[in-house]
Amino acid sequence: FAGYISQVLKNYTDHACDGEYVSLRCPHRTTISIQSSFYGRIVPSHQLCPSRYPRSYATLIKEDVACSVGTSLQKMLDECQDRRSCQFLVNSRLFGMDPCPGTGKYLLVWYKCRPNEYKSKVACEDDKLRLSCKKSMVIAIYSAIFGRTQGGRLECPYQNLGMPMIECQSATALQLMIKRCHGKRSCSIYASTYEFGDPCYPGIQKHLNVIYTC
């Protein structure tokens, strides 16, 4: 169980140069959840993905190190999102128009492994959040947010009309929920600034949103 949880909570990073295969894989009962992606080049080739062909120094200093495509994230979502594993060959044709012909590029991808079956619970500020699992099963926290997200949530109407609509989240919410609920059959916690601190301006109504599985 502990090994499963550590794999689920881990943020994975993978990369592949042009002409190489990128391969993403998640453990049993989880699927790929793409967090972010980049295709192009922002560092010189001697730092990452060196050129496969011998080039003179004069050519090397001309390579484009401010090169990226805007379709990288969508391509990764199309290829890998919600799958147990995925693999494909990296080249510029995958992403549409080549942003910098003649410059070797690379793909960077960040992803997590999301449980196949998971639940989501929300508690408005100062309400109690209760999590529970059936007999012989225990709680595995996937994510936790305490604060305010852009647009708020329907469960917790935004009442402070004079306050700016900003996003503010506690940096310790996930660690606190793991400490309080990890491996237990049931647990409860108040969605309060006493527990989580106040990541927002005074007066902004907050909520606690937890995604978990049993």
N, C-alpha and C. Protein backbone atom coordinates (compact mmCIF):
# COMPACT_ATOMS: atom_id res chain seq x y z
N PHE A 1 0.83 -1.21 0.00
CA PHE A 1 0.00 0.00 0.00
C PHE A 1 0.86 1.26 0.00
N ALA A 2 1.87 1.29 0.85
CA ALA A 2 2.74 2.47 0.93
C ALA A 2 3.45 2.71 -0.40
N GLY A 3 3.89 1.62 -1.04
CA GLY A 3 4.56 1.76 -2.33
C GLY A 3 3.62 2.28 -3.40
N TYR A 4 2.37 1.79 -3.36
CA TYR A 4 1.35 2.23 -4.32
C TYR A 4 1.10 3.73 -4.15
N ILE A 5 0.94 4.16 -2.89
CA ILE A 5 0.66 5.57 -2.62
C ILE A 5 1.82 6.46 -3.07
N SER A 6 3.05 6.03 -2.80
CA SER A 6 4.20 6.85 -3.18
C SER A 6 4.27 7.01 -4.69
N GLN A 7 3.87 5.96 -5.43
CA GLN A 7 3.87 6.05 -6.89
C GLN A 7 2.75 6.95 -7.40
N VAL A 8 1.59 6.88 -6.74
CA VAL A 8 0.44 7.68 -7.15
C VAL A 8 0.68 9.17 -6.89
N LEU A 9 1.30 9.49 -5.75
CA LEU A 9 1.50 10.90 -5.39
C LEU A 9 2.69 11.53 -6.09
N LYS A 10 3.57 10.70 -6.63
CA LYS A 10 4.80 11.20 -7.24
C LYS A 10 4.51 11.99 -8.51
N ASN A 11 5.26 13.06 -8.73
CA ASN A 11 5.23 13.78 -9.99
C ASN A 11 6.33 13.20 -10.89
N TYR A 12 5.94 12.64 -12.02
CA TYR A 12 6.89 12.03 -12.94
C TYR A 12 7.33 13.04 -14.00
N THR A 13 8.58 12.93 -14.41
CA THR A 13 9.11 13.75 -15.49
C THR A 13 9.81 12.82 -16.48
N ASP A 14 9.57 13.05 -17.77
CA ASP A 14 10.26 12.26 -18.78
C ASP A 14 10.65 13.18 -19.93
N HIS A 15 11.68 12.79 -20.68
CA HIS A 15 12.07 13.59 -21.85
C HIS A 15 12.60 12.67 -22.94
N ALA A 16 12.52 13.15 -24.17
CA ALA A 16 13.07 12.41 -25.31
C ALA A 16 13.50 13.41 -26.36
N CYS A 17 14.63 13.13 -26.99
CA CYS A 17 15.14 13.97 -28.06
C CYS A 17 14.46 13.60 -29.37
N ASP A 18 14.57 14.46 -30.37
CA ASP A 18 14.08 14.12 -31.71
C ASP A 18 14.67 12.77 -32.14
N GLY A 19 13.82 11.89 -32.68
CA GLY A 19 14.29 10.59 -33.14
C GLY A 19 14.30 9.52 -32.07
N GLU A 20 13.92 9.87 -30.83
CA GLU A 20 13.85 8.90 -29.74
C GLU A 20 12.38 8.65 -29.38
N TYR A 21 12.14 7.53 -28.70
CA TYR A 21 10.79 7.23 -28.23
C TYR A 21 10.60 7.80 -26.82
N VAL A 22 9.44 8.41 -26.58
CA VAL A 22 9.06 8.79 -25.23
C VAL A 22 8.10 7.72 -24.74
N SER A 23 8.26 7.30 -23.50
CA SER A 23 7.44 6.22 -22.96
C SER A 23 6.97 6.58 -21.56
N LEU A 24 5.66 6.69 -21.39
CA LEU A 24 5.07 6.99 -20.08
C LEU A 24 4.35 5.74 -19.58
N ARG A 25 4.45 5.48 -18.29
CA ARG A 25 3.83 4.28 -17.74
C ARG A 25 3.41 4.54 -16.29
N CYS A 26 2.23 4.02 -15.93
CA CYS A 26 1.73 4.16 -14.56
C CYS A 26 1.48 2.78 -13.95
N PRO A 27 1.50 2.68 -12.62
CA PRO A 27 1.28 1.39 -11.96
C PRO A 27 -0.16 0.89 -12.12
N HIS A 28 -0.37 -0.36 -11.75
CA HIS A 28 -1.68 -1.01 -11.84
C HIS A 28 -2.76 -0.17 -11.14
N ARG A 29 -3.94 -0.13 -11.73
CA ARG A 29 -5.11 0.57 -11.20
C ARG A 29 -4.97 2.09 -11.23
N THR A 30 -4.04 2.60 -12.03
CA THR A 30 -3.92 4.05 -12.20
C THR A 30 -3.77 4.36 -13.69
N THR A 31 -4.02 5.62 -14.04
CA THR A 31 -3.86 6.05 -15.42
C THR A 31 -3.09 7.37 -15.47
N ILE A 32 -2.56 7.68 -16.64
CA ILE A 32 -1.73 8.87 -16.83
C ILE A 32 -2.58 10.15 -16.76
N SER A 33 -2.09 11.11 -16.00
CA SER A 33 -2.70 12.44 -15.95
C SER A 33 -1.63 13.47 -16.30
N ILE A 34 -1.68 13.99 -17.53
CA ILE A 34 -0.67 14.93 -18.01
C ILE A 34 -0.80 16.26 -17.26
N GLN A 35 0.30 16.74 -16.71
CA GLN A 35 0.30 18.02 -15.99
C GLN A 35 0.81 19.16 -16.86
N SER A 36 1.87 18.91 -17.61
CA SER A 36 2.46 19.95 -18.44
C SER A 36 3.35 19.30 -19.50
N SER A 37 3.64 20.07 -20.56
CA SER A 37 4.46 19.52 -21.65
C SER A 37 5.15 20.64 -22.40
N PHE A 38 6.33 20.34 -22.95
CA PHE A 38 7.10 21.30 -23.73
C PHE A 38 7.78 20.58 -24.88
N TYR A 39 7.70 21.16 -26.09
CA TYR A 39 8.48 20.65 -27.22
C TYR A 39 9.16 21.82 -27.91
N GLY A 40 10.47 21.70 -28.11
CA GLY A 40 11.26 22.76 -28.73
C GLY A 40 12.68 22.71 -28.21
N ARG A 41 13.29 23.87 -28.01
CA ARG A 41 14.62 23.95 -27.41
C ARG A 41 14.79 25.28 -26.71
N ILE A 42 15.18 25.21 -25.43
CA ILE A 42 15.46 26.45 -24.69
C ILE A 42 16.83 26.42 -24.01
N VAL A 43 17.57 25.33 -24.22
CA VAL A 43 18.95 25.26 -23.73
C VAL A 43 19.84 24.78 -24.88
N PRO A 44 21.12 25.14 -24.88
CA PRO A 44 22.02 24.70 -25.96
C PRO A 44 22.14 23.18 -26.02
N SER A 45 22.47 22.67 -27.20
CA SER A 45 22.50 21.22 -27.40
C SER A 45 23.57 20.52 -26.57
N HIS A 46 24.60 21.24 -26.16
CA HIS A 46 25.62 20.57 -25.33
C HIS A 46 25.10 20.31 -23.92
N GLN A 47 23.98 20.94 -23.54
CA GLN A 47 23.37 20.70 -22.22
C GLN A 47 22.30 19.62 -22.26
N LEU A 48 21.58 19.51 -23.37
CA LEU A 48 20.51 18.53 -23.48
C LEU A 48 20.30 18.16 -24.95
N CYS A 49 20.22 16.85 -25.20
CA CYS A 49 19.99 16.33 -26.55
C CYS A 49 21.00 16.89 -27.57
N PRO A 50 22.26 16.48 -27.45
CA PRO A 50 23.28 16.95 -28.41
C PRO A 50 22.94 16.51 -29.83
N SER A 51 23.43 17.26 -30.79
CA SER A 51 23.17 16.96 -32.20
C SER A 51 23.75 15.60 -32.55
N ARG A 52 23.03 14.86 -33.38
CA ARG A 52 23.50 13.54 -33.79
C ARG A 52 24.56 13.64 -34.88
N TYR A 53 24.65 14.78 -35.49
CA TYR A 53 25.58 14.94 -36.61
C TYR A 53 26.69 15.91 -36.22
N PRO A 54 27.93 15.65 -36.64
CA PRO A 54 29.02 16.58 -36.33
C PRO A 54 28.79 17.93 -37.01
N ARG A 55 28.91 18.97 -36.21
CA ARG A 55 28.72 20.31 -36.77
C ARG A 55 29.88 21.20 -36.32
N SER A 56 30.16 22.18 -37.11
CA SER A 56 31.22 23.12 -36.73
C SER A 56 30.72 24.02 -35.61
N TYR A 57 31.64 24.62 -34.89
CA TYR A 57 31.28 25.53 -33.80
C TYR A 57 30.45 26.69 -34.33
N ALA A 58 30.76 27.15 -35.54
CA ALA A 58 30.02 28.26 -36.13
C ALA A 58 28.55 27.90 -36.31
N THR A 59 28.28 26.65 -36.66
CA THR A 59 26.89 26.22 -36.82
C THR A 59 26.20 26.08 -35.47
N LEU A 60 26.93 25.54 -34.49
CA LEU A 60 26.36 25.32 -33.17
C LEU A 60 25.86 26.61 -32.53
N ILE A 61 26.61 27.68 -32.67
CA ILE A 61 26.22 28.91 -31.99
C ILE A 61 25.01 29.57 -32.65
N LYS A 62 24.60 29.04 -33.82
CA LYS A 62 23.43 29.61 -34.50
C LYS A 62 22.14 28.87 -34.17
N GLU A 63 22.25 27.81 -33.40
CA GLU A 63 21.02 27.06 -33.12
C GLU A 63 20.05 27.92 -32.31
N ASP A 64 18.79 27.68 -32.54
CA ASP A 64 17.73 28.46 -31.91
C ASP A 64 17.47 27.94 -30.50
N VAL A 65 17.69 28.78 -29.49
CA VAL A 65 17.44 28.37 -28.11
C VAL A 65 16.26 29.14 -27.53
N ALA A 66 15.38 29.59 -28.38
CA ALA A 66 14.12 30.21 -27.95
C ALA A 66 13.02 29.67 -28.85
N CYS A 67 12.90 28.35 -28.87
CA CYS A 67 12.07 27.66 -29.86
C CYS A 67 11.09 26.75 -29.14
N SER A 68 9.80 26.91 -29.40
CA SER A 68 8.80 26.04 -28.78
C SER A 68 7.53 26.04 -29.62
N VAL A 69 6.69 25.01 -29.41
CA VAL A 69 5.40 24.94 -30.09
C VAL A 69 4.28 25.04 -29.06
N GLY A 70 3.13 25.55 -29.49
CA GLY A 70 2.00 25.70 -28.58
C GLY A 70 1.10 24.48 -28.54
N THR A 71 1.41 23.47 -29.37
CA THR A 71 0.53 22.30 -29.48
C THR A 71 1.02 21.11 -28.65
N SER A 72 2.11 21.30 -27.92
CA SER A 72 2.73 20.19 -27.20
C SER A 72 1.80 19.57 -26.16
N LEU A 73 1.16 20.40 -25.34
CA LEU A 73 0.30 19.88 -24.28
C LEU A 73 -0.89 19.12 -24.87
N GLN A 74 -1.53 19.69 -25.88
CA GLN A 74 -2.69 19.03 -26.48
C GLN A 74 -2.30 17.70 -27.11
N LYS A 75 -1.13 17.63 -27.74
CA LYS A 75 -0.66 16.38 -28.34
C LYS A 75 -0.47 15.31 -27.28
N MET A 76 0.13 15.69 -26.14
CA MET A 76 0.34 14.73 -25.06
C MET A 76 -0.99 14.26 -24.49
N LEU A 77 -1.95 15.16 -24.37
CA LEU A 77 -3.28 14.78 -23.88
C LEU A 77 -3.93 13.79 -24.85
N ASP A 78 -3.81 14.07 -26.15
CA ASP A 78 -4.40 13.18 -27.15
C ASP A 78 -3.76 11.78 -27.12
N GLU A 79 -2.46 11.74 -26.94
CA GLU A 79 -1.73 10.47 -27.03
C GLU A 79 -1.78 9.65 -25.73
N CYS A 80 -1.80 10.33 -24.58
CA CYS A 80 -1.52 9.62 -23.33
C CYS A 80 -2.54 9.77 -22.21
N GLN A 81 -3.33 10.83 -22.23
CA GLN A 81 -4.23 11.09 -21.10
C GLN A 81 -5.18 9.91 -20.85
N ASP A 82 -5.31 9.51 -19.59
CA ASP A 82 -6.23 8.46 -19.13
C ASP A 82 -5.85 7.06 -19.62
N ARG A 83 -4.61 6.88 -20.08
CA ARG A 83 -4.15 5.55 -20.45
C ARG A 83 -3.17 5.03 -19.40
N ARG A 84 -3.02 3.73 -19.34
CA ARG A 84 -2.08 3.13 -18.39
C ARG A 84 -0.64 3.37 -18.85
N SER A 85 -0.43 3.33 -20.18
CA SER A 85 0.90 3.59 -20.74
C SER A 85 0.76 4.13 -22.15
N CYS A 86 1.78 4.78 -22.64
CA CYS A 86 1.80 5.26 -24.03
C CYS A 86 3.24 5.41 -24.48
N GLN A 87 3.46 5.26 -25.77
CA GLN A 87 4.80 5.37 -26.34
C GLN A 87 4.69 5.85 -27.78
N PHE A 88 5.53 6.82 -28.15
CA PHE A 88 5.55 7.26 -29.54
C PHE A 88 6.90 7.90 -29.85
N LEU A 89 7.20 7.99 -31.15
CA LEU A 89 8.46 8.55 -31.63
C LEU A 89 8.35 10.07 -31.69
N VAL A 90 9.33 10.76 -31.12
CA VAL A 90 9.31 12.23 -31.07
C VAL A 90 9.94 12.81 -32.33
N ASN A 91 9.19 13.64 -33.04
CA ASN A 91 9.73 14.43 -34.15
C ASN A 91 8.81 15.61 -34.39
N SER A 92 9.30 16.60 -35.11
CA SER A 92 8.57 17.86 -35.27
C SER A 92 7.25 17.68 -36.02
N ARG A 93 7.13 16.63 -36.86
CA ARG A 93 5.90 16.44 -37.62
C ARG A 93 4.69 16.18 -36.73
N LEU A 94 4.96 15.62 -35.55
CA LEU A 94 3.88 15.34 -34.61
C LEU A 94 3.16 16.60 -34.15
N PHE A 95 3.88 17.71 -34.11
CA PHE A 95 3.36 18.91 -33.47
C PHE A 95 2.96 20.00 -34.47
N GLY A 96 2.87 19.64 -35.75
CA GLY A 96 2.48 20.61 -36.77
C GLY A 96 3.69 21.26 -37.41
N MET A 97 3.65 22.56 -37.57
CA MET A 97 4.75 23.27 -38.23
C MET A 97 6.01 23.26 -37.37
N ASP A 98 7.17 23.01 -38.01
CA ASP A 98 8.45 22.99 -37.30
C ASP A 98 8.79 24.42 -36.87
N PRO A 99 8.92 24.68 -35.57
CA PRO A 99 9.15 26.05 -35.10
C PRO A 99 10.57 26.55 -35.37
N CYS A 100 11.52 25.64 -35.59
CA CYS A 100 12.91 26.06 -35.83
C CYS A 100 13.63 24.98 -36.65
N PRO A 101 13.40 24.95 -37.97
CA PRO A 101 14.07 23.97 -38.84
C PRO A 101 15.60 24.06 -38.70
N GLY A 102 16.25 22.91 -38.67
CA GLY A 102 17.70 22.89 -38.55
C GLY A 102 18.19 22.83 -37.12
N THR A 103 17.30 23.05 -36.15
CA THR A 103 17.66 22.95 -34.72
C THR A 103 17.06 21.67 -34.16
N GLY A 104 17.90 20.85 -33.52
CA GLY A 104 17.41 19.64 -32.86
C GLY A 104 16.56 20.00 -31.66
N LYS A 105 15.41 19.34 -31.53
CA LYS A 105 14.49 19.69 -30.45
C LYS A 105 14.28 18.49 -29.52
N TYR A 106 13.51 18.71 -28.45
CA TYR A 106 13.24 17.65 -27.48
C TYR A 106 11.87 17.87 -26.86
N LEU A 107 11.33 16.78 -26.31
CA LEU A 107 10.04 16.81 -25.62
C LEU A 107 10.27 16.62 -24.13
N LEU A 108 9.67 17.48 -23.33
CA LEU A 108 9.65 17.33 -21.87
C LEU A 108 8.20 17.17 -21.45
N VAL A 109 7.93 16.20 -20.59
CA VAL A 109 6.55 16.01 -20.13
C VAL A 109 6.52 15.71 -18.63
N TRP A 110 5.56 16.32 -17.96
CA TRP A 110 5.35 16.12 -16.53
C TRP A 110 3.97 15.48 -16.36
N TYR A 111 3.90 14.40 -15.56
CA TYR A 111 2.62 13.73 -15.39
C TYR A 111 2.52 13.07 -14.01
N LYS A 112 1.27 12.74 -13.64
CA LYS A 112 1.01 12.00 -12.41
C LYS A 112 0.23 10.74 -12.78
N CYS A 113 0.12 9.83 -11.83
CA CYS A 113 -0.65 8.61 -12.03
C CYS A 113 -1.89 8.67 -11.16
N ARG A 114 -3.05 8.78 -11.82
CA ARG A 114 -4.31 9.00 -11.11
C ARG A 114 -5.03 7.67 -10.90
N PRO A 115 -5.54 7.41 -9.71
CA PRO A 115 -6.30 6.17 -9.48
C PRO A 115 -7.48 6.07 -10.44
N ASN A 116 -7.75 4.85 -10.92
CA ASN A 116 -8.86 4.64 -11.85
C ASN A 116 -10.21 5.00 -11.22
N GLU A 117 -10.36 4.67 -9.96
CA GLU A 117 -11.59 4.99 -9.24
C GLU A 117 -11.24 5.97 -8.13
N TYR A 118 -11.83 7.14 -8.19
CA TYR A 118 -11.55 8.12 -7.14
C TYR A 118 -12.79 8.95 -6.85
N LYS A 119 -12.80 9.56 -5.70
CA LYS A 119 -13.93 10.36 -5.25
C LYS A 119 -13.46 11.79 -4.98
N SER A 120 -14.38 12.72 -5.06
CA SER A 120 -14.06 14.12 -4.79
C SER A 120 -15.03 14.65 -3.74
N LYS A 121 -14.51 15.33 -2.73
CA LYS A 121 -15.35 15.93 -1.69
C LYS A 121 -14.93 17.37 -1.46
N VAL A 122 -15.93 18.22 -1.21
CA VAL A 122 -15.69 19.64 -0.96
C VAL A 122 -16.34 20.04 0.36
N ALA A 123 -15.61 20.83 1.15
CA ALA A 123 -16.17 21.44 2.35
C ALA A 123 -15.92 22.94 2.28
N CYS A 124 -16.97 23.73 2.54
CA CYS A 124 -16.80 25.18 2.57
C CYS A 124 -16.07 25.58 3.85
N GLU A 125 -15.55 26.79 3.88
CA GLU A 125 -14.76 27.25 5.01
C GLU A 125 -15.51 27.09 6.33
N ASP A 126 -14.81 26.49 7.32
CA ASP A 126 -15.29 26.24 8.68
C ASP A 126 -16.26 25.06 8.79
N ASP A 127 -16.57 24.39 7.65
CA ASP A 127 -17.35 23.15 7.72
C ASP A 127 -16.41 21.97 7.92
N LYS A 128 -16.94 20.86 8.40
CA LYS A 128 -16.14 19.66 8.61
C LYS A 128 -16.18 18.78 7.37
N LEU A 129 -15.01 18.29 6.95
CA LEU A 129 -14.91 17.34 5.84
C LEU A 129 -14.69 15.95 6.42
N ARG A 130 -15.54 15.01 6.03
CA ARG A 130 -15.41 13.63 6.50
C ARG A 130 -15.14 12.72 5.31
N LEU A 131 -14.12 11.87 5.44
CA LEU A 131 -13.81 10.86 4.42
C LEU A 131 -13.93 9.49 5.07
N SER A 132 -14.44 8.52 4.30
CA SER A 132 -14.52 7.17 4.85
C SER A 132 -14.50 6.15 3.72
N CYS A 133 -14.05 4.95 4.06
CA CYS A 133 -14.01 3.83 3.12
C CYS A 133 -14.75 2.64 3.72
N LYS A 134 -15.11 1.69 2.86
CA LYS A 134 -15.79 0.49 3.34
C LYS A 134 -14.85 -0.34 4.20
N LYS A 135 -15.44 -1.26 4.91
CA LYS A 135 -14.67 -2.14 5.79
C LYS A 135 -13.54 -2.83 5.03
N SER A 136 -12.41 -2.93 5.63
CA SER A 136 -11.19 -3.57 5.10
C SER A 136 -10.49 -2.72 4.04
N MET A 137 -10.98 -1.48 3.78
CA MET A 137 -10.31 -0.58 2.85
C MET A 137 -9.87 0.68 3.58
N VAL A 138 -8.83 1.32 3.05
CA VAL A 138 -8.31 2.53 3.69
C VAL A 138 -8.19 3.67 2.67
N ILE A 139 -8.03 4.87 3.18
CA ILE A 139 -8.03 6.08 2.36
C ILE A 139 -6.66 6.31 1.74
N ALA A 140 -6.68 6.69 0.45
CA ALA A 140 -5.45 7.12 -0.25
C ALA A 140 -5.74 8.50 -0.85
N ILE A 141 -5.10 9.54 -0.33
CA ILE A 141 -5.31 10.90 -0.81
C ILE A 141 -4.56 11.11 -2.12
N TYR A 142 -5.27 11.67 -3.13
CA TYR A 142 -4.62 11.97 -4.40
C TYR A 142 -4.25 13.45 -4.50
N SER A 143 -5.16 14.34 -4.14
CA SER A 143 -4.84 15.76 -4.16
C SER A 143 -5.70 16.49 -3.14
N ALA A 144 -5.25 17.66 -2.71
CA ALA A 144 -6.00 18.47 -1.75
C ALA A 144 -5.70 19.94 -1.99
N ILE A 145 -6.77 20.74 -2.04
CA ILE A 145 -6.64 22.18 -2.24
C ILE A 145 -7.43 22.89 -1.15
N PHE A 146 -6.79 23.81 -0.45
CA PHE A 146 -7.50 24.69 0.48
C PHE A 146 -7.22 26.13 0.07
N GLY A 147 -8.28 26.88 -0.19
CA GLY A 147 -8.12 28.26 -0.62
C GLY A 147 -9.24 28.64 -1.55
N ARG A 148 -8.88 29.33 -2.61
CA ARG A 148 -9.86 29.79 -3.59
C ARG A 148 -9.31 29.56 -4.98
N THR A 149 -10.10 28.94 -5.86
CA THR A 149 -9.68 28.76 -7.25
C THR A 149 -10.44 29.77 -8.11
N GLN A 150 -9.88 30.05 -9.29
CA GLN A 150 -10.52 31.02 -10.19
C GLN A 150 -11.96 30.61 -10.47
N GLY A 151 -12.88 31.51 -10.24
CA GLY A 151 -14.29 31.21 -10.49
C GLY A 151 -14.99 30.59 -9.31
N GLY A 152 -14.21 30.13 -8.30
CA GLY A 152 -14.82 29.53 -7.12
C GLY A 152 -15.51 28.21 -7.42
N ARG A 153 -16.33 27.76 -6.49
CA ARG A 153 -17.07 26.51 -6.66
C ARG A 153 -18.55 26.76 -6.38
N LEU A 154 -19.40 26.02 -7.10
CA LEU A 154 -20.84 26.18 -6.91
C LEU A 154 -21.25 25.79 -5.49
N GLU A 155 -20.52 24.82 -4.89
CA GLU A 155 -20.88 24.36 -3.54
C GLU A 155 -20.65 25.45 -2.50
N CYS A 156 -19.74 26.38 -2.78
CA CYS A 156 -19.42 27.44 -1.83
C CYS A 156 -19.54 28.78 -2.55
N PRO A 157 -20.74 29.34 -2.61
CA PRO A 157 -20.94 30.59 -3.37
C PRO A 157 -20.02 31.70 -2.88
N TYR A 158 -19.53 32.46 -3.83
CA TYR A 158 -18.62 33.56 -3.51
C TYR A 158 -19.45 34.77 -3.08
N GLN A 159 -19.30 35.19 -1.83
CA GLN A 159 -20.16 36.23 -1.27
C GLN A 159 -19.45 37.57 -1.10
N ASN A 160 -18.13 37.57 -1.15
CA ASN A 160 -17.38 38.81 -0.92
C ASN A 160 -17.26 39.59 -2.22
N LEU A 161 -18.35 40.26 -2.60
CA LEU A 161 -18.41 40.90 -3.91
C LEU A 161 -17.39 42.02 -4.06
N GLY A 162 -16.94 42.58 -2.95
CA GLY A 162 -15.99 43.67 -3.04
C GLY A 162 -14.54 43.21 -3.14
N MET A 163 -14.32 41.91 -2.99
CA MET A 163 -12.96 41.37 -3.02
C MET A 163 -12.58 40.93 -4.43
N PRO A 164 -11.30 41.03 -4.78
CA PRO A 164 -10.87 40.61 -6.12
C PRO A 164 -11.00 39.11 -6.31
N MET A 165 -11.32 38.67 -7.53
CA MET A 165 -11.44 37.24 -7.84
C MET A 165 -10.04 36.70 -8.16
N ILE A 166 -9.32 36.28 -7.16
CA ILE A 166 -7.97 35.78 -7.36
C ILE A 166 -7.88 34.34 -6.91
N GLU A 167 -6.84 33.67 -7.36
CA GLU A 167 -6.60 32.29 -6.95
C GLU A 167 -5.59 32.28 -5.83
N CYS A 168 -5.89 31.58 -4.75
CA CYS A 168 -4.96 31.50 -3.62
C CYS A 168 -5.12 30.12 -2.97
N GLN A 169 -4.01 29.41 -2.80
CA GLN A 169 -4.08 28.05 -2.29
C GLN A 169 -3.00 27.79 -1.27
N SER A 170 -3.33 26.99 -0.27
CA SER A 170 -2.38 26.59 0.76
C SER A 170 -1.33 25.66 0.17
N ALA A 171 -0.07 25.88 0.51
CA ALA A 171 1.02 25.04 0.00
C ALA A 171 1.14 23.74 0.79
N THR A 172 0.46 23.65 1.94
CA THR A 172 0.63 22.48 2.82
C THR A 172 -0.62 21.61 2.89
N ALA A 173 -1.65 21.90 2.09
CA ALA A 173 -2.91 21.17 2.19
C ALA A 173 -2.74 19.68 1.92
N LEU A 174 -1.98 19.33 0.89
CA LEU A 174 -1.81 17.91 0.55
C LEU A 174 -1.09 17.17 1.66
N GLN A 175 0.01 17.75 2.16
CA GLN A 175 0.77 17.09 3.23
C GLN A 175 -0.07 16.91 4.49
N LEU A 176 -0.90 17.92 4.82
CA LEU A 176 -1.73 17.84 6.01
C LEU A 176 -2.80 16.76 5.86
N MET A 177 -3.42 16.68 4.69
CA MET A 177 -4.45 15.66 4.48
C MET A 177 -3.86 14.25 4.51
N ILE A 178 -2.65 14.10 3.96
CA ILE A 178 -1.99 12.78 4.02
C ILE A 178 -1.71 12.40 5.47
N LYS A 179 -1.21 13.35 6.24
CA LYS A 179 -0.89 13.10 7.65
C LYS A 179 -2.15 12.73 8.44
N ARG A 180 -3.26 13.42 8.14
CA ARG A 180 -4.49 13.23 8.90
C ARG A 180 -5.26 11.98 8.46
N CYS A 181 -5.19 11.62 7.16
CA CYS A 181 -6.09 10.59 6.64
C CYS A 181 -5.41 9.38 6.00
N HIS A 182 -4.14 9.49 5.68
CA HIS A 182 -3.42 8.44 4.96
C HIS A 182 -3.51 7.09 5.68
N GLY A 183 -4.00 6.07 4.98
CA GLY A 183 -4.01 4.72 5.53
C GLY A 183 -5.09 4.45 6.57
N LYS A 184 -6.00 5.41 6.79
CA LYS A 184 -7.07 5.23 7.77
C LYS A 184 -8.37 4.86 7.08
N ARG A 185 -9.25 4.20 7.81
CA ARG A 185 -10.54 3.84 7.24
C ARG A 185 -11.44 5.07 7.15
N SER A 186 -11.32 5.98 8.12
CA SER A 186 -12.10 7.22 8.09
C SER A 186 -11.32 8.32 8.78
N CYS A 187 -11.67 9.57 8.46
CA CYS A 187 -11.01 10.71 9.09
C CYS A 187 -11.89 11.93 8.91
N SER A 188 -11.63 12.96 9.69
CA SER A 188 -12.37 14.22 9.53
C SER A 188 -11.45 15.39 9.86
N ILE A 189 -11.74 16.51 9.21
CA ILE A 189 -10.93 17.72 9.43
C ILE A 189 -11.79 18.93 9.09
N TYR A 190 -11.59 20.03 9.82
CA TYR A 190 -12.31 21.25 9.52
C TYR A 190 -11.59 22.04 8.42
N ALA A 191 -12.36 22.55 7.49
CA ALA A 191 -11.81 23.37 6.41
C ALA A 191 -11.62 24.79 6.94
N SER A 192 -10.63 24.93 7.82
CA SER A 192 -10.46 26.20 8.54
C SER A 192 -9.04 26.73 8.42
N THR A 193 -8.90 28.01 8.62
CA THR A 193 -7.57 28.63 8.62
C THR A 193 -6.76 28.17 9.83
N TYR A 194 -7.44 27.69 10.87
CA TYR A 194 -6.73 27.15 12.03
C TYR A 194 -5.94 25.91 11.63
N GLU A 195 -6.52 25.10 10.76
CA GLU A 195 -5.85 23.87 10.30
C GLU A 195 -4.85 24.16 9.19
N PHE A 196 -5.24 25.00 8.22
CA PHE A 196 -4.47 25.13 6.99
C PHE A 196 -3.74 26.47 6.84
N GLY A 197 -3.96 27.40 7.79
CA GLY A 197 -3.43 28.74 7.59
C GLY A 197 -4.31 29.48 6.59
N ASP A 198 -4.01 30.76 6.37
CA ASP A 198 -4.82 31.54 5.44
C ASP A 198 -3.96 31.97 4.25
N PRO A 199 -4.14 31.29 3.09
CA PRO A 199 -3.33 31.63 1.91
C PRO A 199 -3.88 32.82 1.13
N CYS A 200 -5.03 33.36 1.56
CA CYS A 200 -5.71 34.41 0.80
C CYS A 200 -5.73 35.73 1.57
N TYR A 201 -6.23 36.77 0.91
CA TYR A 201 -6.46 38.03 1.59
C TYR A 201 -7.52 37.83 2.67
N PRO A 202 -7.45 38.58 3.77
CA PRO A 202 -8.49 38.48 4.80
C PRO A 202 -9.87 38.77 4.19
N GLY A 203 -10.85 37.96 4.58
CA GLY A 203 -12.22 38.18 4.11
C GLY A 203 -12.61 37.34 2.91
N ILE A 204 -11.65 36.68 2.25
CA ILE A 204 -11.99 35.84 1.09
C ILE A 204 -12.43 34.47 1.58
N GLN A 205 -13.62 34.05 1.14
CA GLN A 205 -14.16 32.77 1.54
C GLN A 205 -13.43 31.64 0.82
N LYS A 206 -13.05 30.61 1.56
CA LYS A 206 -12.24 29.53 1.01
C LYS A 206 -13.00 28.20 1.06
N HIS A 207 -12.45 27.19 0.43
CA HIS A 207 -13.02 25.85 0.51
C HIS A 207 -11.89 24.82 0.49
N LEU A 208 -12.22 23.61 0.93
CA LEU A 208 -11.28 22.49 0.89
C LEU A 208 -11.81 21.47 -0.11
N ASN A 209 -11.00 21.12 -1.08
CA ASN A 209 -11.38 20.14 -2.11
C ASN A 209 -10.37 18.99 -2.07
N VAL A 210 -10.86 17.79 -1.78
CA VAL A 210 -9.99 16.62 -1.66
C VAL A 210 -10.41 15.54 -2.65
N ILE A 211 -9.46 15.00 -3.39
CA ILE A 211 -9.69 13.87 -4.28
C ILE A 211 -8.97 12.67 -3.68
N TYR A 212 -9.69 11.55 -3.52
CA TYR A 212 -9.11 10.39 -2.84
C TYR A 212 -9.69 9.11 -3.42
N THR A 213 -9.08 8.01 -3.05
CA THR A 213 -9.60 6.69 -3.42
C THR A 213 -9.51 5.79 -2.21
N CYS A 214 -10.20 4.67 -2.26
CA CYS A 214 -10.16 3.70 -1.16
C CYS A 214 -9.38 2.46 -1.59
